[in-house]
Amino acid sequence: MARDYAKEYAEYHSNPTQRKNRSMRNIARRALNLEKGDPREADHKKPLSKGRSNGKKNLRAVSKKTNRKKYDG
């Protein structure tokens, strides 16, 4: 089954809450000087969902694998 990107955007990504979250993730990447193509991700030591902090003390640059395995249930 093909992925319907237009529908996905309309139902999820255009939601004001999700737009704010994406903006905060972009701000975190800029704070860590992570440029496009950098394999690392901005990791929030205390997640945005549990405290919403983009302060320097709450951010670190880690590999994609390291960042995502924190949330694998």
N, C-alpha and C. Protein backbone atom coordinates (compact mmCIF):
# COMPACT_ATOMS: atom_id res chain seq x y z
N MET A 1 0.84 -1.18 0.00
CA MET A 1 0.00 0.00 0.00
C MET A 1 0.89 1.25 0.00
N ALA A 2 0.60 2.16 -0.87
CA ALA A 2 1.38 3.39 -0.98
C ALA A 2 1.03 4.35 0.16
N ARG A 3 2.02 5.07 0.57
CA ARG A 3 1.84 6.04 1.66
C ARG A 3 1.22 7.32 1.11
N ASP A 4 0.18 7.81 1.75
CA ASP A 4 -0.51 9.02 1.31
C ASP A 4 0.03 10.21 2.12
N TYR A 5 1.06 10.84 1.58
CA TYR A 5 1.73 11.94 2.29
C TYR A 5 0.82 13.15 2.50
N ALA A 6 -0.01 13.45 1.53
CA ALA A 6 -0.91 14.61 1.65
C ALA A 6 -1.88 14.41 2.81
N LYS A 7 -2.43 13.21 2.91
CA LYS A 7 -3.35 12.91 4.00
C LYS A 7 -2.62 12.93 5.34
N GLU A 8 -1.42 12.36 5.37
CA GLU A 8 -0.63 12.34 6.59
C GLU A 8 -0.33 13.76 7.07
N TYR A 9 0.03 14.64 6.16
CA TYR A 9 0.31 16.02 6.53
C TYR A 9 -0.96 16.70 7.05
N ALA A 10 -2.06 16.51 6.33
CA ALA A 10 -3.32 17.17 6.71
C ALA A 10 -3.81 16.72 8.08
N GLU A 11 -3.60 15.45 8.41
CA GLU A 11 -4.13 14.92 9.66
C GLU A 11 -3.17 15.02 10.84
N TYR A 12 -1.87 15.10 10.57
CA TYR A 12 -0.93 15.06 11.68
C TYR A 12 0.07 16.22 11.66
N HIS A 13 0.85 16.33 10.61
CA HIS A 13 1.95 17.29 10.57
C HIS A 13 1.51 18.75 10.54
N SER A 14 0.32 19.04 10.08
CA SER A 14 -0.14 20.42 10.04
C SER A 14 -0.82 20.83 11.35
N ASN A 15 -0.98 19.89 12.26
CA ASN A 15 -1.57 20.16 13.56
C ASN A 15 -0.70 21.20 14.29
N PRO A 16 -1.28 22.23 14.88
CA PRO A 16 -0.49 23.27 15.55
C PRO A 16 0.47 22.74 16.62
N THR A 17 0.06 21.73 17.34
CA THR A 17 0.93 21.15 18.37
C THR A 17 2.16 20.50 17.73
N GLN A 18 1.94 19.76 16.65
CA GLN A 18 3.05 19.09 15.97
C GLN A 18 3.97 20.10 15.29
N ARG A 19 3.41 21.18 14.77
CA ARG A 19 4.24 22.23 14.16
C ARG A 19 5.13 22.87 15.23
N LYS A 20 4.59 23.08 16.42
CA LYS A 20 5.38 23.65 17.51
C LYS A 20 6.49 22.69 17.93
N ASN A 21 6.17 21.40 18.03
CA ASN A 21 7.18 20.40 18.38
C ASN A 21 8.30 20.35 17.35
N ARG A 22 7.94 20.39 16.07
CA ARG A 22 8.95 20.37 15.02
C ARG A 22 9.83 21.60 15.10
N SER A 23 9.23 22.75 15.39
CA SER A 23 9.99 23.98 15.54
C SER A 23 10.98 23.87 16.70
N MET A 24 10.55 23.29 17.80
CA MET A 24 11.44 23.12 18.95
C MET A 24 12.59 22.17 18.64
N ARG A 25 12.32 21.12 17.86
CA ARG A 25 13.40 20.20 17.46
C ARG A 25 14.40 20.91 16.56
N ASN A 26 13.91 21.75 15.66
CA ASN A 26 14.80 22.51 14.78
C ASN A 26 15.65 23.49 15.58
N ILE A 27 15.08 24.14 16.57
CA ILE A 27 15.82 25.06 17.43
C ILE A 27 16.93 24.31 18.17
N ALA A 28 16.63 23.10 18.63
CA ALA A 28 17.63 22.29 19.34
C ALA A 28 18.78 21.94 18.41
N ARG A 29 18.49 21.58 17.15
CA ARG A 29 19.55 21.26 16.19
C ARG A 29 20.44 22.47 15.95
N ARG A 30 19.84 23.64 15.83
CA ARG A 30 20.64 24.86 15.62
C ARG A 30 21.49 25.16 16.84
N ALA A 31 20.97 24.95 18.04
CA ALA A 31 21.72 25.22 19.27
C ALA A 31 22.97 24.34 19.36
N LEU A 32 22.89 23.14 18.79
CA LEU A 32 24.02 22.20 18.82
C LEU A 32 24.88 22.28 17.56
N ASN A 33 24.56 23.21 16.67
CA ASN A 33 25.29 23.38 15.40
C ASN A 33 25.30 22.10 14.56
N LEU A 34 24.18 21.38 14.55
CA LEU A 34 24.05 20.18 13.73
C LEU A 34 23.51 20.60 12.37
N GLU A 35 24.35 20.48 11.36
CA GLU A 35 23.95 20.91 10.03
C GLU A 35 23.26 19.78 9.28
N LYS A 36 22.62 20.14 8.19
CA LYS A 36 21.95 19.17 7.34
C LYS A 36 22.97 18.13 6.88
N GLY A 37 22.60 16.87 7.01
CA GLY A 37 23.50 15.79 6.61
C GLY A 37 24.32 15.24 7.76
N ASP A 38 24.33 15.90 8.90
CA ASP A 38 25.05 15.40 10.07
C ASP A 38 24.32 14.15 10.56
N PRO A 39 25.03 13.05 10.76
CA PRO A 39 24.36 11.81 11.17
C PRO A 39 23.85 11.83 12.61
N ARG A 40 24.27 12.80 13.39
CA ARG A 40 23.84 12.87 14.79
C ARG A 40 22.49 13.57 14.91
N GLU A 41 21.85 13.35 16.04
CA GLU A 41 20.57 13.98 16.35
C GLU A 41 20.69 14.75 17.65
N ALA A 42 19.82 15.71 17.83
CA ALA A 42 19.74 16.45 19.09
C ALA A 42 18.96 15.60 20.08
N ASP A 43 19.58 15.27 21.19
CA ASP A 43 18.93 14.48 22.23
C ASP A 43 18.60 15.39 23.39
N HIS A 44 17.37 15.32 23.84
CA HIS A 44 16.95 16.06 25.02
C HIS A 44 17.07 15.12 26.21
N LYS A 45 17.94 15.45 27.14
CA LYS A 45 18.12 14.59 28.31
C LYS A 45 16.79 14.44 29.05
N LYS A 46 16.08 15.54 29.23
CA LYS A 46 14.71 15.50 29.74
C LYS A 46 13.83 15.78 28.53
N PRO A 47 13.04 14.83 28.06
CA PRO A 47 12.29 14.97 26.82
C PRO A 47 11.39 16.20 26.77
N LEU A 48 11.19 16.69 25.57
CA LEU A 48 10.29 17.83 25.37
C LEU A 48 8.91 17.52 25.93
N SER A 49 8.48 16.28 25.80
CA SER A 49 7.15 15.89 26.26
C SER A 49 7.04 15.89 27.79
N LYS A 50 8.18 15.91 28.49
CA LYS A 50 8.14 15.87 29.95
C LYS A 50 8.74 17.10 30.60
N GLY A 51 8.94 18.15 29.84
CA GLY A 51 9.50 19.34 30.46
C GLY A 51 9.77 20.46 29.47
N ARG A 52 9.80 20.11 28.20
CA ARG A 52 9.92 21.10 27.14
C ARG A 52 11.06 22.09 27.33
N SER A 53 12.27 21.59 27.51
CA SER A 53 13.41 22.47 27.67
C SER A 53 14.40 22.31 26.53
N ASN A 54 14.75 23.42 25.90
CA ASN A 54 15.77 23.42 24.85
C ASN A 54 17.04 24.09 25.36
N GLY A 55 17.20 24.17 26.67
CA GLY A 55 18.38 24.79 27.26
C GLY A 55 19.63 23.96 26.97
N LYS A 56 20.78 24.62 26.93
CA LYS A 56 22.04 23.94 26.61
C LYS A 56 22.32 22.77 27.56
N LYS A 57 21.94 22.88 28.82
CA LYS A 57 22.19 21.80 29.78
C LYS A 57 21.34 20.57 29.51
N ASN A 58 20.26 20.73 28.76
CA ASN A 58 19.36 19.62 28.47
C ASN A 58 19.63 18.99 27.10
N LEU A 59 20.56 19.52 26.33
CA LEU A 59 20.81 19.04 24.98
C LEU A 59 22.16 18.36 24.85
N ARG A 60 22.21 17.36 23.98
CA ARG A 60 23.47 16.75 23.60
C ARG A 60 23.30 16.16 22.20
N ALA A 61 24.40 16.05 21.47
CA ALA A 61 24.38 15.47 20.14
C ALA A 61 24.78 14.00 20.27
N VAL A 62 23.91 13.12 19.80
CA VAL A 62 24.17 11.68 19.87
C VAL A 62 23.81 11.03 18.54
N SER A 63 24.26 9.80 18.35
CA SER A 63 23.92 9.08 17.13
C SER A 63 22.43 8.78 17.10
N LYS A 64 21.92 8.55 15.92
CA LYS A 64 20.50 8.23 15.75
C LYS A 64 20.15 6.97 16.56
N LYS A 65 21.03 5.97 16.50
CA LYS A 65 20.80 4.71 17.21
C LYS A 65 20.69 4.94 18.72
N THR A 66 21.60 5.73 19.26
CA THR A 66 21.60 6.01 20.70
C THR A 66 20.34 6.76 21.11
N ASN A 67 19.97 7.76 20.31
CA ASN A 67 18.80 8.59 20.64
C ASN A 67 17.51 7.79 20.59
N ARG A 68 17.38 6.92 19.61
CA ARG A 68 16.12 6.21 19.43
C ARG A 68 15.97 5.00 20.33
N LYS A 69 17.08 4.39 20.77
CA LYS A 69 16.94 3.20 21.62
C LYS A 69 16.46 3.56 23.02
N LYS A 70 16.55 4.82 23.42
CA LYS A 70 16.03 5.23 24.72
C LYS A 70 14.53 4.99 24.82
N TYR A 71 13.84 5.03 23.71
CA TYR A 71 12.38 4.96 23.71
C TYR A 71 11.84 3.65 23.18
N ASP A 72 12.71 2.70 22.83
CA ASP A 72 12.22 1.39 22.41
C ASP A 72 11.71 0.66 23.64
N GLY A 73 10.43 0.35 23.61
CA GLY A 73 9.79 -0.25 24.76
C GLY A 73 10.21 -1.62 25.03
